[in-house]
Amino acid sequence: IAYISKINILRIEERIRYLTQYLIDRLAELKIQVLSPLSNIHRSAIIVFKSRSPEHLVAYLGKKRIIVSARGGGIRVSPHFYNDEGDIDNLISALKTFQA
């Protein structure tokens, strides 16, 4: 708690909002449907996007050390303040090469 307090919870929230928007924008470039609410008022730090075979995609990403989970016919990604754009770029690169 001391570490988070030192960083400042509002800065953490701002960082997470930035990363989730970055993820949404990158998914849009691939024409991948985001199932999570897109409006800022309803958005959370969890983004779920559509996948034809969520369980296979989770396994594929896991082999690449990208940790996500299957949820409701989609893939759940929950970036946090310790993640960076490179982490999201790695996910996007892996999505481009995934063969269902």
PDB file of N, CA and C in Angstrom:
ATOM      1  N   ILE A   1       0.839  -1.191   0.000  1.00  0.00           N
ATOM      2  CA  ILE A   1       0.000   0.000   0.000  1.00  0.00           C
ATOM      3  C   ILE A   1       0.876   1.244   0.000  1.00  0.00           C
ATOM      4  N   ALA A   2       1.987   1.197   0.717  1.00  0.00           N
ATOM      5  CA  ALA A   2       2.896   2.345   0.743  1.00  0.00           C
ATOM      6  C   ALA A   2       3.425   2.640  -0.657  1.00  0.00           C
ATOM      7  N   TYR A   3       3.763   1.583  -1.401  1.00  0.00           N
ATOM      8  CA  TYR A   3       4.281   1.762  -2.754  1.00  0.00           C
ATOM      9  C   TYR A   3       3.236   2.413  -3.659  1.00  0.00           C
ATOM     10  N   ILE A   4       2.015   1.914  -3.596  1.00  0.00           N
ATOM     11  CA  ILE A   4       0.932   2.479  -4.410  1.00  0.00           C
ATOM     12  C   ILE A   4       0.643   3.912  -3.992  1.00  0.00           C
ATOM     13  N   SER A   5       0.650   4.176  -2.709  1.00  0.00           N
ATOM     14  CA  SER A   5       0.425   5.535  -2.219  1.00  0.00           C
ATOM     15  C   SER A   5       1.520   6.478  -2.707  1.00  0.00           C
ATOM     16  N   LYS A   6       2.743   5.985  -2.746  1.00  0.00           N
ATOM     17  CA  LYS A   6       3.861   6.799  -3.218  1.00  0.00           C
ATOM     18  C   LYS A   6       3.682   7.173  -4.692  1.00  0.00           C
ATOM     19  N   ILE A   7       3.205   6.213  -5.478  1.00  0.00           N
ATOM     20  CA  ILE A   7       2.978   6.466  -6.904  1.00  0.00           C
ATOM     21  C   ILE A   7       1.810   7.437  -7.087  1.00  0.00           C
ATOM     22  N   ASN A   8       0.787   7.295  -6.285  1.00  0.00           N
ATOM     23  CA  ASN A   8      -0.433   8.104  -6.306  1.00  0.00           C
ATOM     24  C   ASN A   8      -1.512   7.356  -7.092  1.00  0.00           C
ATOM     25  N   ILE A   9      -2.560   7.032  -6.415  1.00  0.00           N
ATOM     26  CA  ILE A   9      -3.643   6.233  -6.985  1.00  0.00           C
ATOM     27  C   ILE A   9      -4.271   6.896  -8.215  1.00  0.00           C
ATOM     28  N   LEU A  10      -4.306   8.231  -8.240  1.00  0.00           N
ATOM     29  CA  LEU A  10      -4.876   8.917  -9.404  1.00  0.00           C
ATOM     30  C   LEU A  10      -3.977   8.764 -10.630  1.00  0.00           C
ATOM     31  N   ARG A  11      -2.675   8.764 -10.422  1.00  0.00           N
ATOM     32  CA  ARG A  11      -1.747   8.528 -11.537  1.00  0.00           C
ATOM     33  C   ARG A  11      -1.879   7.090 -12.046  1.00  0.00           C
ATOM     34  N   ILE A  12      -2.094   6.159 -11.126  1.00  0.00           N
ATOM     35  CA  ILE A  12      -2.295   4.763 -11.519  1.00  0.00           C
ATOM     36  C   ILE A  12      -3.567   4.639 -12.354  1.00  0.00           C
ATOM     37  N   GLU A  13      -4.637   5.258 -11.904  1.00  0.00           N
ATOM     38  CA  GLU A  13      -5.891   5.220 -12.662  1.00  0.00           C
ATOM     39  C   GLU A  13      -5.695   5.816 -14.057  1.00  0.00           C
ATOM     40  N   GLU A  14      -5.011   6.927 -14.137  1.00  0.00           N
ATOM     41  CA  GLU A  14      -4.760   7.573 -15.425  1.00  0.00           C
ATOM     42  C   GLU A  14      -3.949   6.650 -16.345  1.00  0.00           C
ATOM     43  N   ARG A  15      -2.953   5.996 -15.779  1.00  0.00           N
ATOM     44  CA  ARG A  15      -2.119   5.084 -16.559  1.00  0.00           C
ATOM     45  C   ARG A  15      -2.935   3.897 -17.085  1.00  0.00           C
ATOM     46  N   ILE A  16      -3.775   3.338 -16.241  1.00  0.00           N
ATOM     47  CA  ILE A  16      -4.599   2.202 -16.651  1.00  0.00           C
ATOM     48  C   ILE A  16      -5.592   2.620 -17.733  1.00  0.00           C
ATOM     49  N   ARG A  17      -6.184   3.784 -17.583  1.00  0.00           N
ATOM     50  CA  ARG A  17      -7.105   4.277 -18.622  1.00  0.00           C
ATOM     51  C   ARG A  17      -6.378   4.451 -19.957  1.00  0.00           C
ATOM     52  N   TYR A  18      -5.169   4.984 -19.880  1.00  0.00           N
ATOM     53  CA  TYR A  18      -4.372   5.156 -21.102  1.00  0.00           C
ATOM     54  C   TYR A  18      -4.093   3.792 -21.753  1.00  0.00           C
ATOM     55  N   LEU A  19      -3.650   2.824 -20.952  1.00  0.00           N
ATOM     56  CA  LEU A  19      -3.318   1.504 -21.502  1.00  0.00           C
ATOM     57  C   LEU A  19      -4.537   0.785 -22.072  1.00  0.00           C
ATOM     58  N   THR A  20      -5.683   0.909 -21.413  1.00  0.00           N
ATOM     59  CA  THR A  20      -6.879   0.261 -21.955  1.00  0.00           C
ATOM     60  C   THR A  20      -7.288   0.918 -23.274  1.00  0.00           C
ATOM     61  N   GLN A  21      -7.162   2.229 -23.368  1.00  0.00           N
ATOM     62  CA  GLN A  21      -7.480   2.897 -24.639  1.00  0.00           C
ATOM     63  C   GLN A  21      -6.486   2.495 -25.724  1.00  0.00           C
ATOM     64  N   TYR A  22      -5.231   2.382 -25.353  1.00  0.00           N
ATOM     65  CA  TYR A  22      -4.205   1.937 -26.298  1.00  0.00           C
ATOM     66  C   TYR A  22      -4.550   0.535 -26.816  1.00  0.00           C
ATOM     67  N   LEU A  23      -4.952  -0.339 -25.930  1.00  0.00           N
ATOM     68  CA  LEU A  23      -5.349  -1.691 -26.316  1.00  0.00           C
ATOM     69  C   LEU A  23      -6.565  -1.655 -27.245  1.00  0.00           C
ATOM     70  N   ILE A  24      -7.566  -0.897 -26.886  1.00  0.00           N
ATOM     71  CA  ILE A  24      -8.776  -0.790 -27.713  1.00  0.00           C
ATOM     72  C   ILE A  24      -8.425  -0.283 -29.113  1.00  0.00           C
ATOM     73  N   ASP A  25      -7.575   0.733 -29.176  1.00  0.00           N
ATOM     74  CA  ASP A  25      -7.176   1.288 -30.469  1.00  0.00           C
ATOM     75  C   ASP A  25      -6.426   0.265 -31.313  1.00  0.00           C
ATOM     76  N   ARG A  26      -5.539  -0.480 -30.693  1.00  0.00           N
ATOM     77  CA  ARG A  26      -4.765  -1.494 -31.423  1.00  0.00           C
ATOM     78  C   ARG A  26      -5.671  -2.640 -31.892  1.00  0.00           C
ATOM     79  N   LEU A  27      -6.627  -3.054 -31.056  1.00  0.00           N
ATOM     80  CA  LEU A  27      -7.580  -4.090 -31.478  1.00  0.00           C
ATOM     81  C   LEU A  27      -8.414  -3.605 -32.653  1.00  0.00           C
ATOM     82  N   ALA A  28      -8.799  -2.338 -32.636  1.00  0.00           N
ATOM     83  CA  ALA A  28      -9.586  -1.765 -33.735  1.00  0.00           C
ATOM     84  C   ALA A  28      -8.808  -1.818 -35.046  1.00  0.00           C
ATOM     85  N   GLU A  29      -7.494  -1.607 -34.970  1.00  0.00           N
ATOM     86  CA  GLU A  29      -6.664  -1.685 -36.171  1.00  0.00           C
ATOM     87  C   GLU A  29      -6.739  -3.074 -36.808  1.00  0.00           C
ATOM     88  N   LEU A  30      -6.914  -4.098 -35.968  1.00  0.00           N
ATOM     89  CA  LEU A  30      -7.037  -5.473 -36.469  1.00  0.00           C
ATOM     90  C   LEU A  30      -8.488  -5.857 -36.758  1.00  0.00           C
ATOM     91  N   LYS A  31      -9.380  -4.908 -36.553  1.00  0.00           N
ATOM     92  CA  LYS A  31     -10.823  -5.138 -36.745  1.00  0.00           C
ATOM     93  C   LYS A  31     -11.339  -6.236 -35.817  1.00  0.00           C
ATOM     94  N   ILE A  32     -10.817  -6.249 -34.594  1.00  0.00           N
ATOM     95  CA  ILE A  32     -11.267  -7.197 -33.565  1.00  0.00           C
ATOM     96  C   ILE A  32     -12.299  -6.492 -32.706  1.00  0.00           C
ATOM     97  N   GLN A  33     -13.446  -7.123 -32.545  1.00  0.00           N
ATOM     98  CA  GLN A  33     -14.554  -6.547 -31.798  1.00  0.00           C
ATOM     99  C   GLN A  33     -14.277  -6.562 -30.297  1.00  0.00           C
ATOM    100  N   VAL A  34     -14.406  -5.394 -29.677  1.00  0.00           N
ATOM    101  CA  VAL A  34     -14.276  -5.269 -28.226  1.00  0.00           C
ATOM    102  C   VAL A  34     -15.669  -5.451 -27.634  1.00  0.00           C
ATOM    103  N   LEU A  35     -15.793  -6.361 -26.677  1.00  0.00           N
ATOM    104  CA  LEU A  35     -17.080  -6.645 -26.041  1.00  0.00           C
ATOM    105  C   LEU A  35     -17.320  -5.767 -24.810  1.00  0.00           C
ATOM    106  N   SER A  36     -16.274  -5.232 -24.245  1.00  0.00           N
ATOM    107  CA  SER A  36     -16.388  -4.369 -23.062  1.00  0.00           C
ATOM    108  C   SER A  36     -17.000  -3.033 -23.454  1.00  0.00           C
ATOM    109  N   PRO A  37     -17.624  -2.361 -22.476  1.00  0.00           N
ATOM    110  CA  PRO A  37     -18.144  -1.014 -22.757  1.00  0.00           C
ATOM    111  C   PRO A  37     -17.003  -0.091 -23.202  1.00  0.00           C
ATOM    112  N   LEU A  38     -17.273   0.724 -24.197  1.00  0.00           N
ATOM    113  CA  LEU A  38     -16.248   1.626 -24.722  1.00  0.00           C
ATOM    114  C   LEU A  38     -16.334   3.037 -24.157  1.00  0.00           C
ATOM    115  N   SER A  39     -17.499   3.406 -23.641  1.00  0.00           N
ATOM    116  CA  SER A  39     -17.621   4.759 -23.103  1.00  0.00           C
ATOM    117  C   SER A  39     -16.837   4.869 -21.786  1.00  0.00           C
ATOM    118  N   ASN A  40     -16.193   6.009 -21.583  1.00  0.00           N
ATOM    119  CA  ASN A  40     -15.381   6.209 -20.379  1.00  0.00           C
ATOM    120  C   ASN A  40     -16.173   6.026 -19.096  1.00  0.00           C
ATOM    121  N   ILE A  41     -17.426   6.390 -19.108  1.00  0.00           N
ATOM    122  CA  ILE A  41     -18.228   6.312 -17.884  1.00  0.00           C
ATOM    123  C   ILE A  41     -18.491   4.864 -17.455  1.00  0.00           C
ATOM    124  N   HIS A  42     -18.504   3.941 -18.422  1.00  0.00           N
ATOM    125  CA  HIS A  42     -18.790   2.539 -18.113  1.00  0.00           C
ATOM    126  C   HIS A  42     -17.577   1.623 -18.229  1.00  0.00           C
ATOM    127  N   ARG A  43     -16.442   2.160 -18.626  1.00  0.00           N
ATOM    128  CA  ARG A  43     -15.255   1.336 -18.853  1.00  0.00           C
ATOM    129  C   ARG A  43     -14.576   0.979 -17.542  1.00  0.00           C
ATOM    130  N   SER A  44     -13.996  -0.205 -17.520  1.00  0.00           N
ATOM    131  CA  SER A  44     -13.196  -0.624 -16.369  1.00  0.00           C
ATOM    132  C   SER A  44     -11.776  -0.897 -16.862  1.00  0.00           C
ATOM    133  N   ALA A  45     -10.962  -1.434 -16.003  1.00  0.00           N
ATOM    134  CA  ALA A  45      -9.582  -1.771 -16.370  1.00  0.00           C
ATOM    135  C   ALA A  45      -9.509  -3.129 -17.053  1.00  0.00           C
ATOM    136  N   ILE A  46     -10.641  -3.738 -17.288  1.00  0.00           N
ATOM    137  CA  ILE A  46     -10.700  -5.045 -17.936  1.00  0.00           C
ATOM    138  C   ILE A  46     -11.294  -4.872 -19.328  1.00  0.00           C
ATOM    139  N   ILE A  47     -10.581  -5.391 -20.305  1.00  0.00           N
ATOM    140  CA  ILE A  47     -11.064  -5.331 -21.683  1.00  0.00           C
ATOM    141  C   ILE A  47     -11.273  -6.766 -22.165  1.00  0.00           C
ATOM    142  N   VAL A  48     -12.453  -7.024 -22.713  1.00  0.00           N
ATOM    143  CA  VAL A  48     -12.767  -8.329 -23.285  1.00  0.00           C
ATOM    144  C   VAL A  48     -13.008  -8.131 -24.774  1.00  0.00           C
ATOM    145  N   PHE A  49     -12.334  -8.955 -25.578  1.00  0.00           N
ATOM    146  CA  PHE A  49     -12.555  -8.882 -27.019  1.00  0.00           C
ATOM    147  C   PHE A  49     -12.982 -10.236 -27.550  1.00  0.00           C
ATOM    148  N   LYS A  50     -13.671 -10.214 -28.671  1.00  0.00           N
ATOM    149  CA  LYS A  50     -14.259 -11.406 -29.283  1.00  0.00           C
ATOM    150  C   LYS A  50     -13.167 -12.305 -29.855  1.00  0.00           C
ATOM    151  N   SER A  51     -13.394 -13.602 -29.706  1.00  0.00           N
ATOM    152  CA  SER A  51     -12.490 -14.594 -30.278  1.00  0.00           C
ATOM    153  C   SER A  51     -13.305 -15.794 -30.740  1.00  0.00           C
ATOM    154  N   ARG A  52     -12.946 -16.352 -31.888  1.00  0.00           N
ATOM    155  CA  ARG A  52     -13.650 -17.541 -32.401  1.00  0.00           C
ATOM    156  C   ARG A  52     -13.353 -18.766 -31.547  1.00  0.00           C
ATOM    157  N   SER A  53     -12.159 -18.843 -31.001  1.00  0.00           N
ATOM    158  CA  SER A  53     -11.798 -20.007 -30.171  1.00  0.00           C
ATOM    159  C   SER A  53     -10.969 -19.533 -28.976  1.00  0.00           C
ATOM    160  N   PRO A  54     -11.649 -18.995 -27.972  1.00  0.00           N
ATOM    161  CA  PRO A  54     -10.963 -18.407 -26.824  1.00  0.00           C
ATOM    162  C   PRO A  54      -9.980 -19.346 -26.123  1.00  0.00           C
ATOM    163  N   GLU A  55     -10.359 -20.603 -25.909  1.00  0.00           N
ATOM    164  CA  GLU A  55      -9.485 -21.516 -25.177  1.00  0.00           C
ATOM    165  C   GLU A  55      -8.187 -21.776 -25.934  1.00  0.00           C
ATOM    166  N   HIS A  56      -8.288 -21.924 -27.254  1.00  0.00           N
ATOM    167  CA  HIS A  56      -7.085 -22.133 -28.068  1.00  0.00           C
ATOM    168  C   HIS A  56      -6.206 -20.886 -28.055  1.00  0.00           C
ATOM    169  N   LEU A  57      -6.834 -19.730 -28.128  1.00  0.00           N
ATOM    170  CA  LEU A  57      -6.067 -18.487 -28.125  1.00  0.00           C
ATOM    171  C   LEU A  57      -5.361 -18.282 -26.789  1.00  0.00           C
ATOM    172  N   VAL A  58      -6.038 -18.579 -25.684  1.00  0.00           N
ATOM    173  CA  VAL A  58      -5.410 -18.457 -24.360  1.00  0.00           C
ATOM    174  C   VAL A  58      -4.178 -19.366 -24.280  1.00  0.00           C
ATOM    175  N   ALA A  59      -4.300 -20.594 -24.767  1.00  0.00           N
ATOM    176  CA  ALA A  59      -3.171 -21.527 -24.744  1.00  0.00           C
ATOM    177  C   ALA A  59      -2.029 -21.023 -25.621  1.00  0.00           C
ATOM    178  N   TYR A  60      -2.352 -20.545 -26.801  1.00  0.00           N
ATOM    179  CA  TYR A  60      -1.351 -20.013 -27.727  1.00  0.00           C
ATOM    180  C   TYR A  60      -0.610 -18.829 -27.100  1.00  0.00           C
ATOM    181  N   LEU A  61      -1.364 -17.906 -26.533  1.00  0.00           N
ATOM    182  CA  LEU A  61      -0.745 -16.735 -25.917  1.00  0.00           C
ATOM    183  C   LEU A  61       0.082 -17.129 -24.697  1.00  0.00           C
ATOM    184  N   GLY A  62      -0.397 -18.098 -23.935  1.00  0.00           N
ATOM    185  CA  GLY A  62       0.340 -18.564 -22.768  1.00  0.00           C
ATOM    186  C   GLY A  62       1.719 -19.076 -23.130  1.00  0.00           C
ATOM    187  N   LYS A  63       1.824 -19.765 -24.265  1.00  0.00           N
ATOM    188  CA  LYS A  63       3.123 -20.256 -24.738  1.00  0.00           C
ATOM    189  C   LYS A  63       4.063 -19.100 -25.068  1.00  0.00           C
ATOM    190  N   LYS A  64       3.488 -17.942 -25.337  1.00  0.00           N
ATOM    191  CA  LYS A  64       4.278 -16.747 -25.634  1.00  0.00           C
ATOM    192  C   LYS A  64       4.443 -15.859 -24.398  1.00  0.00           C
ATOM    193  N   ARG A  65       4.051 -16.431 -23.245  1.00  0.00           N
ATOM    194  CA  ARG A  65       4.147 -15.731 -21.958  1.00  0.00           C
ATOM    195  C   ARG A  65       3.275 -14.471 -21.900  1.00  0.00           C
ATOM    196  N   ILE A  66       2.134 -14.545 -22.581  1.00  0.00           N
ATOM    197  CA  ILE A  66       1.134 -13.485 -22.543  1.00  0.00           C
ATOM    198  C   ILE A  66      -0.049 -14.070 -21.794  1.00  0.00           C
ATOM    199  N   ILE A  67      -0.321 -13.519 -20.628  1.00  0.00           N
ATOM    200  CA  ILE A  67      -1.339 -14.090 -19.749  1.00  0.00           C
ATOM    201  C   ILE A  67      -2.665 -13.352 -19.922  1.00  0.00           C
ATOM    202  N   VAL A  68      -3.644 -14.076 -20.416  1.00  0.00           N
ATOM    203  CA  VAL A  68      -5.017 -13.597 -20.578  1.00  0.00           C
ATOM    204  C   VAL A  68      -5.922 -14.748 -20.142  1.00  0.00           C
ATOM    205  N   SER A  69      -7.225 -14.534 -20.168  1.00  0.00           N
ATOM    206  CA  SER A  69      -8.140 -15.622 -19.837  1.00  0.00           C
ATOM    207  C   SER A  69      -9.353 -15.588 -20.755  1.00  0.00           C
ATOM    208  N   ALA A  70      -9.983 -16.739 -20.898  1.00  0.00           N
ATOM    209  CA  ALA A  70     -11.203 -16.853 -21.700  1.00  0.00           C
ATOM    210  C   ALA A  70     -12.389 -16.456 -20.834  1.00  0.00           C
ATOM    211  N   ARG A  71     -13.227 -15.580 -21.351  1.00  0.00           N
ATOM    212  CA  ARG A  71     -14.420 -15.146 -20.630  1.00  0.00           C
ATOM    213  C   ARG A  71     -15.560 -14.900 -21.606  1.00  0.00           C
ATOM    214  N   GLY A  72     -16.655 -15.598 -21.436  1.00  0.00           N
ATOM    215  CA  GLY A  72     -17.881 -15.338 -22.190  1.00  0.00           C
ATOM    216  C   GLY A  72     -17.718 -15.261 -23.691  1.00  0.00           C
ATOM    217  N   GLY A  73     -16.995 -16.180 -24.281  1.00  0.00           N
ATOM    218  CA  GLY A  73     -16.810 -16.164 -25.721  1.00  0.00           C
ATOM    219  C   GLY A  73     -15.750 -15.184 -26.187  1.00  0.00           C
ATOM    220  N   GLY A  74     -15.008 -14.654 -25.249  1.00  0.00           N
ATOM    221  CA  GLY A  74     -13.979 -13.690 -25.607  1.00  0.00           C
ATOM    222  C   GLY A  74     -12.710 -13.898 -24.810  1.00  0.00           C
ATOM    223  N   ILE A  75     -11.813 -12.955 -24.959  1.00  0.00           N
ATOM    224  CA  ILE A  75     -10.537 -12.956 -24.263  1.00  0.00           C
ATOM    225  C   ILE A  75     -10.485 -11.746 -23.343  1.00  0.00           C
ATOM    226  N   ARG A  76     -10.179 -12.007 -22.076  1.00  0.00           N
ATOM    227  CA  ARG A  76     -10.103 -10.958 -21.053  1.00  0.00           C
ATOM    228  C   ARG A  76      -8.652 -10.531 -20.888  1.00  0.00           C
ATOM    229  N   VAL A  77      -8.431  -9.228 -21.022  1.00  0.00           N
ATOM    230  CA  VAL A  77      -7.117  -8.623 -20.816  1.00  0.00           C
ATOM    231  C   VAL A  77      -7.277  -7.564 -19.734  1.00  0.00           C
ATOM    232  N   SER A  78      -6.393  -7.586 -18.766  1.00  0.00           N
ATOM    233  CA  SER A  78      -6.507  -6.596 -17.689  1.00  0.00           C
ATOM    234  C   SER A  78      -5.162  -5.922 -17.442  1.00  0.00           C
ATOM    235  N   PRO A  79      -4.837  -4.919 -18.275  1.00  0.00           N
ATOM    236  CA  PRO A  79      -3.578  -4.206 -18.087  1.00  0.00           C
ATOM    237  C   PRO A  79      -3.564  -3.458 -16.754  1.00  0.00           C
ATOM    238  N   HIS A  80      -2.369  -3.325 -16.183  1.00  0.00           N
ATOM    239  CA  HIS A  80      -2.226  -2.589 -14.932  1.00  0.00           C
ATOM    240  C   HIS A  80      -1.087  -1.595 -15.075  1.00  0.00           C
ATOM    241  N   PHE A  81      -0.860  -0.803 -14.063  1.00  0.00           N
ATOM    242  CA  PHE A  81       0.104   0.291 -14.175  1.00  0.00           C
ATOM    243  C   PHE A  81       1.519  -0.194 -14.439  1.00  0.00           C
ATOM    244  N   TYR A  82       1.828  -1.422 -14.112  1.00  0.00           N
ATOM    245  CA  TYR A  82       3.167  -1.956 -14.330  1.00  0.00           C
ATOM    246  C   TYR A  82       3.359  -2.484 -15.755  1.00  0.00           C
ATOM    247  N   ASN A  83       2.285  -2.536 -16.538  1.00  0.00           N
ATOM    248  CA  ASN A  83       2.402  -2.906 -17.946  1.00  0.00           C
ATOM    249  C   ASN A  83       2.784  -1.669 -18.755  1.00  0.00           C
ATOM    250  N   ASP A  84       3.226  -1.918 -19.978  1.00  0.00           N
ATOM    251  CA  ASP A  84       3.528  -0.801 -20.862  1.00  0.00           C
ATOM    252  C   ASP A  84       3.025  -1.102 -22.268  1.00  0.00           C
ATOM    253  N   GLU A  85       3.235  -0.149 -23.162  1.00  0.00           N
ATOM    254  CA  GLU A  85       2.761  -0.298 -24.528  1.00  0.00           C
ATOM    255  C   GLU A  85       3.384  -1.517 -25.198  1.00  0.00           C
ATOM    256  N   GLY A  86       4.620  -1.823 -24.848  1.00  0.00           N
ATOM    257  CA  GLY A  86       5.292  -2.993 -25.416  1.00  0.00           C
ATOM    258  C   GLY A  86       4.567  -4.285 -25.101  1.00  0.00           C
ATOM    259  N   ASP A  87       3.998  -4.385 -23.902  1.00  0.00           N
ATOM    260  CA  ASP A  87       3.226  -5.575 -23.538  1.00  0.00           C
ATOM    261  C   ASP A  87       2.006  -5.717 -24.447  1.00  0.00           C
ATOM    262  N   ILE A  88       1.350  -4.612 -24.698  1.00  0.00           N
ATOM    263  CA  ILE A  88       0.169  -4.638 -25.566  1.00  0.00           C
ATOM    264  C   ILE A  88       0.588  -4.906 -27.011  1.00  0.00           C
ATOM    265  N   ASP A  89       1.689  -4.313 -27.433  1.00  0.00           N
ATOM    266  CA  ASP A  89       2.191  -4.568 -28.780  1.00  0.00           C
ATOM    267  C   ASP A  89       2.530  -6.043 -28.973  1.00  0.00           C
ATOM    268  N   ASN A  90       3.084  -6.676 -27.939  1.00  0.00           N
ATOM    269  CA  ASN A  90       3.376  -8.114 -28.013  1.00  0.00           C
ATOM    270  C   ASN A  90       2.096  -8.926 -28.194  1.00  0.00           C
ATOM    271  N   LEU A  91       1.052  -8.552 -27.457  1.00  0.00           N
ATOM    272  CA  LEU A  91      -0.244  -9.214 -27.606  1.00  0.00           C
ATOM    273  C   LEU A  91      -0.758  -9.049 -29.029  1.00  0.00           C
ATOM    274  N   ILE A  92      -0.716  -7.834 -29.541  1.00  0.00           N
ATOM    275  CA  ILE A  92      -1.209  -7.564 -30.881  1.00  0.00           C
ATOM    276  C   ILE A  92      -0.431  -8.367 -31.925  1.00  0.00           C
ATOM    277  N   SER A  93       0.890  -8.410 -31.784  1.00  0.00           N
ATOM    278  CA  SER A  93       1.727  -9.194 -32.705  1.00  0.00           C
ATOM    279  C   SER A  93       1.341 -10.670 -32.672  1.00  0.00           C
ATOM    280  N   ALA A  94       1.102 -11.194 -31.472  1.00  0.00           N
ATOM    281  CA  ALA A  94       0.708 -12.593 -31.334  1.00  0.00           C
ATOM    282  C   ALA A  94      -0.669 -12.831 -31.952  1.00  0.00           C
ATOM    283  N   LEU A  95      -1.574 -11.886 -31.796  1.00  0.00           N
ATOM    284  CA  LEU A  95      -2.907 -12.033 -32.395  1.00  0.00           C
ATOM    285  C   LEU A  95      -2.814 -12.092 -33.916  1.00  0.00           C
ATOM    286  N   LYS A  96      -1.875 -11.351 -34.488  1.00  0.00           N
ATOM    287  CA  LYS A  96      -1.704 -11.350 -35.942  1.00  0.00           C
ATOM    288  C   LYS A  96      -1.251 -12.709 -36.464  1.00  0.00           C
ATOM    289  N   THR A  97      -0.545 -13.469 -35.641  1.00  0.00           N
ATOM    290  CA  THR A  97       0.000 -14.746 -36.101  1.00  0.00           C
ATOM    291  C   THR A  97      -0.834 -15.945 -35.668  1.00  0.00           C
ATOM    292  N   PHE A  98      -1.852 -15.704 -34.846  1.00  0.00           N
ATOM    293  CA  PHE A  98      -2.675 -16.817 -34.343  1.00  0.00           C
ATOM    294  C   PHE A  98      -3.509 -17.413 -35.460  1.00  0.00           C
ATOM    295  N   GLN A  99      -3.477 -18.731 -35.545  1.00  0.00           N
ATOM    296  CA  GLN A  99      -4.300 -19.451 -36.511  1.00  0.00           C
ATOM    297  C   GLN A  99      -5.276 -20.347 -35.748  1.00  0.00           C
ATOM    298  N   ALA A 100      -6.559 -20.023 -35.785  1.00  0.00           N
ATOM    299  CA  ALA A 100      -7.560 -20.801 -35.053  1.00  0.00           C
ATOM    300  C   ALA A 100      -7.842 -22.112 -35.749  1.00  0.00           C
TER     301      ALA A 100
END
